[in-house]
Each structure stands twice: as C-alpha cells, then as structure tokens.
N, C-alpha and C. Protein backbone atom coordinates (compact mmCIF):
# COMPACT_ATOMS: atom_id res chain seq x y z
N MET A 1 -10.84 25.20 12.29
CA MET A 1 -10.27 24.96 11.49
C MET A 1 -9.32 24.34 12.26
N PRO A 2 -8.21 23.34 12.03
CA PRO A 2 -7.12 22.65 13.16
C PRO A 2 -6.16 23.73 12.72
N THR A 3 -5.60 23.95 14.22
CA THR A 3 -4.16 24.41 13.83
C THR A 3 -3.02 24.17 13.29
N GLN A 4 -2.23 25.35 12.94
CA GLN A 4 -0.88 24.27 12.27
C GLN A 4 -0.44 23.22 12.90
N LYS A 5 -0.19 24.03 14.62
CA LYS A 5 -0.01 23.11 15.37
C LYS A 5 -0.56 21.37 15.72
N GLU A 6 -1.67 21.72 16.05
CA GLU A 6 -2.51 20.57 15.76
C GLU A 6 -1.89 19.32 14.81
N GLN A 7 -1.90 20.51 13.00
CA GLN A 7 -1.54 19.73 12.31
C GLN A 7 -0.11 19.04 12.10
N TYR A 8 0.72 19.87 12.39
CA TYR A 8 2.38 19.42 12.59
C TYR A 8 2.23 18.57 13.79
N ASP A 9 1.80 18.24 14.77
CA ASP A 9 1.68 17.49 15.47
C ASP A 9 1.60 16.15 15.41
N PHE A 10 0.34 16.07 14.61
CA PHE A 10 -0.16 14.97 13.78
C PHE A 10 1.09 14.28 13.16
N LEU A 11 1.27 14.95 12.62
CA LEU A 11 2.11 14.78 10.67
C LEU A 11 3.45 14.21 11.94
N LYS A 12 4.13 15.14 13.02
CA LYS A 12 5.15 14.47 13.55
C LYS A 12 5.42 13.24 14.11
N TRP A 13 3.66 12.70 14.41
CA TRP A 13 3.73 11.21 15.10
C TRP A 13 4.07 9.82 14.09
N TYR A 14 2.74 10.75 12.52
CA TYR A 14 2.99 9.96 11.67
C TYR A 14 3.52 9.74 10.91
N LEU A 15 4.99 10.91 10.41
CA LEU A 15 6.15 10.28 10.17
C LEU A 15 7.14 9.56 11.22
N LYS A 16 6.75 9.75 11.94
CA LYS A 16 7.90 8.66 13.28
C LYS A 16 6.87 7.66 13.09
N GLU A 17 6.03 7.35 12.61
CA GLU A 17 5.23 6.07 12.64
C GLU A 17 5.05 5.46 11.49
N ASN A 18 5.43 5.80 10.37
CA ASN A 18 5.20 5.85 9.13
C ASN A 18 6.74 6.76 8.16
N PRO A 19 7.75 6.21 8.80
CA PRO A 19 8.82 6.76 7.75
C PRO A 19 9.00 6.69 6.39
N ALA A 20 9.08 7.63 5.85
CA ALA A 20 9.23 7.76 4.06
C ALA A 20 10.54 8.15 3.76
N LYS A 21 10.76 7.67 3.05
CA LYS A 21 12.04 8.22 1.98
C LYS A 21 11.52 8.61 0.79
N LYS A 22 12.93 10.23 1.38
CA LYS A 22 12.57 10.66 0.10
C LYS A 22 11.55 11.95 0.39
N LEU A 23 10.67 12.43 1.30
CA LEU A 23 9.65 12.84 1.66
C LEU A 23 9.74 14.29 1.03
N CYS A 24 8.82 15.16 0.14
CA CYS A 24 8.53 15.89 -0.71
C CYS A 24 8.18 17.11 0.04
N ASP A 25 8.46 17.96 0.62
CA ASP A 25 8.47 19.25 0.86
C ASP A 25 7.16 19.91 0.47
N THR A 26 6.66 19.75 -0.70
CA THR A 26 5.32 19.69 -1.23
C THR A 26 4.07 19.27 -0.53
N VAL A 27 3.31 20.10 -0.61
CA VAL A 27 2.12 19.93 -0.12
C VAL A 27 1.07 18.52 -0.98
N LYS A 28 1.09 17.12 -1.12
CA LYS A 28 -0.33 16.81 -1.78
C LYS A 28 -1.91 16.97 -1.48
N PRO A 29 -2.36 17.27 -2.21
CA PRO A 29 -3.38 17.79 -2.25
C PRO A 29 -4.61 16.58 -1.99
N PHE A 30 -5.45 16.77 -1.76
CA PHE A 30 -6.34 15.87 -1.62
C PHE A 30 -7.27 15.85 -3.54
N ASP A 31 -7.14 15.30 -4.21
CA ASP A 31 -7.81 15.32 -5.89
C ASP A 31 -8.38 14.63 -5.50
N TYR A 32 -9.48 13.71 -5.01
CA TYR A 32 -10.61 12.54 -5.21
C TYR A 32 -11.62 13.57 -4.82
N MET A 33 -12.01 14.40 -5.76
CA MET A 33 -13.60 15.31 -5.78
C MET A 33 -14.19 15.05 -6.04
N VAL A 34 -14.48 13.88 -7.23
CA VAL A 34 -15.70 13.33 -7.70
C VAL A 34 -16.58 12.70 -6.88
N GLY A 35 -17.33 12.42 -6.82
CA GLY A 35 -18.18 11.94 -6.11
C GLY A 35 -18.53 12.38 -4.24
N MET A 36 -18.66 13.38 -4.18
CA MET A 36 -18.18 13.35 -2.67
C MET A 36 -19.37 13.28 -1.69
N ASP A 37 -20.54 12.89 -2.38
CA ASP A 37 -21.71 13.12 -1.37
C ASP A 37 -21.48 11.55 -0.64
N ARG A 38 -20.60 10.51 -0.73
CA ARG A 38 -20.57 9.32 -0.45
C ARG A 38 -19.25 9.04 -0.40
N PHE A 39 -18.10 10.26 -0.86
CA PHE A 39 -16.66 10.33 -0.49
C PHE A 39 -16.15 9.29 0.91
N PHE A 40 -16.92 10.02 2.02
CA PHE A 40 -16.80 9.47 3.48
C PHE A 40 -17.43 8.68 4.09
N ALA A 41 -17.44 7.60 3.05
CA ALA A 41 -18.72 6.78 3.45
C ALA A 41 -17.81 5.03 2.93
N PHE A 42 -17.35 3.92 4.00
CA PHE A 42 -17.74 2.90 3.30
C PHE A 42 -17.62 1.49 3.67
N ARG A 43 -17.72 0.72 3.32
CA ARG A 43 -18.61 -0.83 3.84
C ARG A 43 -17.45 -1.70 3.20
N ASN A 44 -16.05 -1.87 3.39
CA ASN A 44 -15.24 -3.10 2.85
C ASN A 44 -14.28 -3.57 3.83
N PHE A 45 -13.57 -4.69 3.30
CA PHE A 45 -12.84 -5.11 4.51
C PHE A 45 -13.27 -5.42 5.69
N GLY A 46 -14.45 -5.55 6.14
CA GLY A 46 -15.38 -5.79 7.10
C GLY A 46 -15.32 -4.91 8.19
N ILE A 47 -14.87 -3.34 7.14
CA ILE A 47 -15.57 -2.71 8.18
C ILE A 47 -16.21 -1.57 7.40
N SER A 48 -17.02 -1.03 8.53
CA SER A 48 -17.77 0.08 8.17
C SER A 48 -17.76 1.23 8.84
N PHE A 49 -17.41 2.42 7.93
CA PHE A 49 -17.19 3.31 8.08
C PHE A 49 -17.65 4.64 7.73
N GLU A 50 -18.00 5.83 8.05
CA GLU A 50 -19.20 6.74 8.10
C GLU A 50 -19.27 8.26 8.91
N ILE A 51 -18.77 9.23 7.89
CA ILE A 51 -18.47 10.80 8.97
C ILE A 51 -20.12 11.78 8.93
N SER A 52 -20.32 12.02 9.93
CA SER A 52 -21.75 12.44 9.67
C SER A 52 -21.78 13.96 8.24
N PRO A 53 -22.55 14.01 8.26
CA PRO A 53 -22.64 15.54 6.77
C PRO A 53 -22.27 16.84 7.79
N LYS A 54 -22.62 16.72 8.91
CA LYS A 54 -21.46 18.12 9.19
C LYS A 54 -20.40 17.96 9.18
N ASP A 55 -19.71 16.85 9.78
CA ASP A 55 -18.36 16.57 9.57
C ASP A 55 -17.91 16.62 8.58
N CYS A 56 -18.69 15.89 7.38
CA CYS A 56 -17.88 16.05 6.03
C CYS A 56 -18.12 17.28 5.26
N LEU A 57 -19.00 18.43 5.81
CA LEU A 57 -18.53 19.52 5.14
C LEU A 57 -17.83 20.35 6.17
N TYR A 58 -17.09 20.02 7.33
CA TYR A 58 -15.74 20.05 8.08
C TYR A 58 -14.58 19.78 7.48
N VAL A 59 -14.53 18.92 6.72
CA VAL A 59 -13.35 18.17 6.07
C VAL A 59 -13.18 18.79 4.77
N LEU A 60 -14.57 19.25 4.14
CA LEU A 60 -14.38 19.73 2.38
C LEU A 60 -13.87 20.95 2.98
N SER A 61 -14.19 21.77 3.74
CA SER A 61 -13.50 23.36 4.07
C SER A 61 -12.38 23.37 4.33
N GLN A 62 -11.75 21.83 4.88
CA GLN A 62 -10.25 22.09 5.55
C GLN A 62 -9.56 21.99 4.02
N VAL A 63 -9.81 20.74 2.95
CA VAL A 63 -9.65 20.61 1.29
C VAL A 63 -9.27 21.60 0.83
N LYS A 64 -10.81 22.71 0.79
CA LYS A 64 -10.62 23.77 -0.29
C LYS A 64 -9.52 24.49 0.45
N VAL A 65 -9.57 24.89 1.91
CA VAL A 65 -8.40 25.90 2.17
C VAL A 65 -6.66 24.99 2.08
N TYR A 66 -6.70 23.95 1.89
CA TYR A 66 -5.28 23.32 2.26
C TYR A 66 -4.80 22.96 0.63
N ARG A 67 -5.70 23.45 -0.30
CA ARG A 67 -5.30 23.41 -1.98
C ARG A 67 -4.82 24.56 -2.00
N GLN A 68 -4.50 25.76 -0.90
CA GLN A 68 -3.99 26.90 -1.54
C GLN A 68 -2.11 26.82 -0.57
N VAL A 69 -2.20 25.97 0.18
CA VAL A 69 -0.83 25.76 0.92
C VAL A 69 0.03 25.40 -0.12
N ALA A 70 1.04 25.71 -0.42
CA ALA A 70 1.89 24.95 -0.81
C ALA A 70 3.23 24.19 -0.71
N GLY A 71 3.90 24.22 0.77
CA GLY A 71 5.29 23.17 1.22
C GLY A 71 4.89 23.38 2.71
N LEU A 72 5.53 22.01 2.94
CA LEU A 72 5.45 22.12 4.49
C LEU A 72 6.53 23.04 4.80
N ASP A 73 6.55 23.20 6.31
CA ASP A 73 7.58 24.02 7.24
C ASP A 73 8.49 22.64 7.83
N THR A 74 9.89 22.82 7.11
CA THR A 74 10.22 21.82 6.84
C THR A 74 11.47 21.69 8.21
N SER A 75 11.56 22.79 8.52
CA SER A 75 12.32 23.33 10.40
C SER A 75 11.52 22.04 11.50
N GLN A 76 10.24 22.42 11.58
CA GLN A 76 9.01 21.48 12.32
C GLN A 76 9.53 20.52 12.27
N PHE A 77 10.64 19.54 11.68
CA PHE A 77 10.45 18.32 11.62
C PHE A 77 12.51 17.84 11.93
N LYS A 78 12.61 17.18 12.56
CA LYS A 78 13.59 16.46 12.77
C LYS A 78 14.02 14.95 12.06
N GLY A 79 15.01 14.57 11.45
CA GLY A 79 15.57 13.60 10.98
C GLY A 79 15.10 13.35 10.07
N ILE A 80 14.10 13.74 9.13
CA ILE A 80 13.52 13.63 7.80
C ILE A 80 14.78 13.79 6.78
N ASP A 81 14.24 12.74 6.03
CA ASP A 81 15.20 12.38 4.69
C ASP A 81 14.08 13.79 3.83
N TRP A 82 14.15 14.99 3.45
CA TRP A 82 13.15 16.09 3.03
C TRP A 82 14.02 15.56 1.56
N HIS A 83 13.25 15.55 0.35
CA HIS A 83 13.46 15.76 -1.01
C HIS A 83 12.75 17.17 -1.06
N LEU A 84 13.77 18.04 -1.74
CA LEU A 84 13.31 19.68 -2.13
C LEU A 84 12.11 19.61 -3.41
N LYS A 85 11.29 20.23 -3.49
CA LYS A 85 10.59 20.75 -4.39
C LYS A 85 11.04 20.48 -5.77
N SER A 86 12.15 21.22 -5.55
CA SER A 86 13.35 21.67 -7.09
C SER A 86 14.03 20.44 -7.38
N ASP A 87 13.89 19.65 -5.93
CA ASP A 87 14.85 18.45 -6.40
C ASP A 87 14.26 17.18 -7.17
N ARG A 88 14.15 16.96 -8.45
CA ARG A 88 13.18 16.27 -9.25
C ARG A 88 13.46 14.79 -9.85
N HIS A 89 14.29 13.95 -8.55
CA HIS A 89 14.83 12.96 -8.97
C HIS A 89 13.81 11.94 -8.41
N LEU A 90 14.05 11.47 -8.53
CA LEU A 90 12.77 10.23 -7.95
C LEU A 90 13.95 8.57 -7.37
N PRO A 91 13.35 8.25 -6.31
CA PRO A 91 11.84 8.55 -5.52
C PRO A 91 11.43 9.16 -5.24
N ILE A 92 10.42 9.76 -4.90
CA ILE A 92 9.39 10.82 -3.86
C ILE A 92 8.24 10.25 -3.25
N THR A 93 8.39 10.63 -2.33
CA THR A 93 6.59 10.40 -1.14
C THR A 93 6.35 11.73 -1.21
N TYR A 94 5.32 11.86 -0.77
CA TYR A 94 4.31 12.99 -0.80
C TYR A 94 3.14 12.78 0.35
N ILE A 95 2.89 13.87 1.31
CA ILE A 95 1.78 13.38 1.88
C ILE A 95 0.97 14.87 2.07
N SER A 96 -0.28 14.76 2.53
CA SER A 96 -1.09 16.02 2.37
C SER A 96 -1.11 16.09 4.09
N LEU A 97 -1.66 17.46 4.28
CA LEU A 97 -1.51 18.47 5.29
C LEU A 97 -2.50 17.05 5.97
N PRO A 98 -2.54 16.64 7.60
CA PRO A 98 -3.90 16.17 8.29
C PRO A 98 -5.28 16.78 8.16
N VAL A 99 -6.61 16.27 7.77
CA VAL A 99 -7.74 16.91 7.57
C VAL A 99 -7.95 16.00 8.79
N PHE A 100 -9.08 16.85 9.78
CA PHE A 100 -9.18 16.44 11.24
C PHE A 100 -10.93 16.36 10.92
N SER A 101 -11.95 15.80 11.66
CA SER A 101 -13.31 15.49 12.10
C SER A 101 -12.97 16.83 12.92
N ARG A 102 -14.61 16.94 13.52
CA ARG A 102 -14.86 18.37 14.06
C ARG A 102 -14.19 17.78 16.05
N ASP A 103 -14.38 16.69 15.81
CA ASP A 103 -14.17 16.55 17.43
C ASP A 103 -12.67 16.02 17.55
N ARG A 104 -11.45 16.01 16.27
CA ARG A 104 -10.64 15.91 15.92
C ARG A 104 -10.10 14.66 16.46
N LYS A 105 -11.04 13.62 16.28
CA LYS A 105 -11.06 11.71 17.06
C LYS A 105 -10.98 11.47 15.08
N THR A 106 -10.64 11.95 14.15
CA THR A 106 -10.48 11.17 13.12
C THR A 106 -9.87 11.72 12.03
N VAL A 107 -8.84 11.58 11.41
CA VAL A 107 -7.58 12.59 10.86
C VAL A 107 -7.63 11.46 9.41
N PHE A 108 -7.54 12.10 8.16
CA PHE A 108 -7.29 11.94 6.76
C PHE A 108 -6.51 12.20 6.26
N ILE A 109 -5.56 11.24 5.42
CA ILE A 109 -4.37 11.96 5.08
C ILE A 109 -3.91 10.92 4.19
N ASN A 110 -3.36 11.94 3.07
CA ASN A 110 -3.08 11.68 1.48
C ASN A 110 -1.98 11.27 1.70
N ARG A 111 -1.50 10.41 0.87
CA ARG A 111 -0.10 9.88 0.70
C ARG A 111 0.11 9.40 -0.83
N ALA A 112 1.29 9.81 -1.26
CA ALA A 112 1.64 9.10 -2.93
C ALA A 112 2.85 9.01 -2.76
N TYR A 113 3.40 7.78 -3.42
CA TYR A 113 4.50 7.53 -3.77
C TYR A 113 4.76 7.21 -5.08
N HIS A 114 5.79 7.87 -5.66
CA HIS A 114 6.28 7.99 -7.31
C HIS A 114 7.36 6.80 -6.76
N CYS A 115 8.26 6.46 -8.21
CA CYS A 115 9.05 5.91 -8.47
C CYS A 115 9.08 5.74 -9.83
N GLY A 116 8.61 6.32 -10.91
CA GLY A 116 8.87 6.18 -11.97
C GLY A 116 7.33 6.62 -13.00
N GLY A 117 7.79 6.19 -14.43
CA GLY A 117 6.63 6.59 -15.01
C GLY A 117 5.23 5.88 -14.80
N LEU A 118 5.06 4.43 -14.86
CA LEU A 118 4.38 3.58 -14.04
C LEU A 118 4.74 2.62 -12.96
N CYS A 119 5.26 3.47 -11.95
CA CYS A 119 5.69 3.22 -10.76
C CYS A 119 4.89 3.73 -9.73
N GLY A 120 4.47 3.98 -8.49
CA GLY A 120 3.92 4.37 -7.52
C GLY A 120 2.68 3.75 -7.05
N GLU A 121 2.53 4.31 -5.78
CA GLU A 121 1.00 3.89 -5.60
C GLU A 121 0.72 4.93 -4.34
N GLY A 122 -0.75 5.20 -3.98
CA GLY A 122 -0.98 5.97 -2.75
C GLY A 122 -2.66 5.75 -2.75
N GLY A 123 -3.12 6.86 -1.99
CA GLY A 123 -4.28 6.76 -1.88
C GLY A 123 -4.49 8.01 -0.29
N ILE A 124 -5.72 7.35 0.19
CA ILE A 124 -6.36 8.14 1.48
C ILE A 124 -5.96 6.80 2.81
N GLU A 125 -5.27 7.92 3.64
CA GLU A 125 -5.16 7.01 5.03
C GLU A 125 -5.96 6.94 6.23
N ILE A 126 -6.88 6.80 6.55
CA ILE A 126 -8.13 6.82 8.08
C ILE A 126 -7.31 6.65 9.05
N TYR A 127 -7.06 7.25 10.48
CA TYR A 127 -6.77 7.23 11.70
C TYR A 127 -7.91 7.56 12.53
N VAL A 128 -8.34 6.98 13.62
CA VAL A 128 -9.13 7.12 14.64
C VAL A 128 -8.51 6.99 16.08
N LYS A 129 -9.04 8.44 16.66
CA LYS A 129 -8.31 8.39 17.98
C LYS A 129 -9.26 7.47 18.93
N THR A 130 -8.47 6.83 19.74
CA THR A 130 -9.38 5.91 20.88
C THR A 130 -8.12 5.77 21.88
N GLN A 131 -8.68 6.00 23.09
CA GLN A 131 -8.20 6.10 24.29
C GLN A 131 -6.62 6.99 24.54
N GLY A 132 -7.19 8.03 23.95
CA GLY A 132 -5.77 8.97 23.49
C GLY A 132 -4.29 8.69 22.40
N ARG A 133 -4.95 7.68 21.61
CA ARG A 133 -3.87 7.07 20.85
C ARG A 133 -4.54 6.94 19.18
N TRP A 134 -3.83 7.42 18.68
CA TRP A 134 -4.01 7.21 17.23
C TRP A 134 -4.43 5.89 16.69
N LYS A 135 -4.69 5.67 15.75
CA LYS A 135 -4.62 3.90 15.48
C LYS A 135 -5.30 3.80 13.78
N ARG A 136 -4.55 3.47 12.99
CA ARG A 136 -5.06 3.37 11.54
C ARG A 136 -6.13 2.37 11.29
N LEU A 137 -7.33 2.82 10.31
CA LEU A 137 -8.39 1.72 10.25
C LEU A 137 -7.86 1.19 9.54
N ASP A 138 -7.73 -0.69 9.69
CA ASP A 138 -6.88 -1.60 8.44
C ASP A 138 -7.41 -1.68 7.17
N THR A 139 -7.45 -0.48 6.67
CA THR A 139 -8.15 -0.83 5.34
C THR A 139 -7.30 -0.62 4.00
N GLY A 140 -5.93 -0.76 4.14
CA GLY A 140 -5.11 -0.60 3.33
C GLY A 140 -5.20 1.37 2.87
N TYR A 141 -4.51 1.20 1.89
CA TYR A 141 -5.58 2.81 1.41
C TYR A 141 -6.68 2.99 0.91
N TRP A 142 -7.70 3.78 1.24
CA TRP A 142 -8.80 4.19 1.01
C TRP A 142 -8.66 5.25 -0.46
N ARG A 143 -9.46 4.75 -1.47
CA ARG A 143 -9.37 6.05 -2.30
C ARG A 143 -8.06 5.88 -3.31
N SER A 144 -7.99 4.59 -3.49
CA SER A 144 -6.48 4.59 -3.53
C SER A 144 -6.06 4.17 -5.51
N TRP A 145 -4.81 4.36 -5.44
CA TRP A 145 -4.33 3.75 -6.69
C TRP A 145 -2.80 3.54 -6.65
N ILE A 146 -2.43 3.21 -7.60
CA ILE A 146 -1.29 2.18 -7.73
C ILE A 146 -0.97 1.95 -9.31
N SER A 147 0.01 2.12 -9.67
CA SER A 147 0.76 2.29 -11.20
C SER A 147 1.72 1.17 -11.52
C-alpha cells in the first residue's frame, strides 16, 4: 500500500497544479463500484488505457481501505482554502486520496464540485508519471457525472 507520505506528496503536487476553492477536509470515496471488471479499461478520446488484472486488484484493495478514512490531515497543506466538514455552505470541492498502481506510475483521483441542488460536476482523473513528471491523461473526467 502507498504510504501516507506518497499520498500527501501527490496531493500537494495535485493541488498546486489544480487549485480548488473551498476544498473540504472530508475525503471523497471512490463510489463507482458497479462493473469493476471493466472499470480500469477504456478506449475513447483517441486514447486507449488499461491496467493489468494485478494492478486492478491492488487499486481495489486501496479503495476498500480508503473507505474507512474520514478526513485529510489539513496541517500537511499550506495555503489551501479549507472548507471544514462542519461548515455545510456551498460551493464545496471534495477530493479522494490518490489511488496508485503497483509501480506508482499511474494515479487515480476522484474529484467532485458541488454548488447546489442541481449544480456540480465530478469524476475520476487519471495521471501517469513519465520521465519523472505527472501528466493528466487528456480524457476530461472519466466515469464522470454532471448536474
């Protein structure tokens, strides 16, 4: 399993590259559990992406453990516009803990933005590490939703 340092190092980079207003300290779970046999494979936007069955099991084991994590240690992050769980005012942005492949070269992160009853968007973003740098796969949100 990835260490907390690996998770938070990725999140620090991620939040620097993808600033979020009113970021909630509550962790967004991966709640896309239907059809997991094909969950980590897709071919669209001219991109083909798939992880191995072993990586799929590794990713799913993290998802299961992370469901028990309630919040982020906000002291690890500087300069973030935190929106605490106890403050229920909108808009609010949620992110998951990053979920890594076994080789730590692919990361999945679930992000959601809520701005009202029928206002919001979210989904899973995929990042791949090449030549020592993270790069988002140009797919927009994957397994996305919008209201």
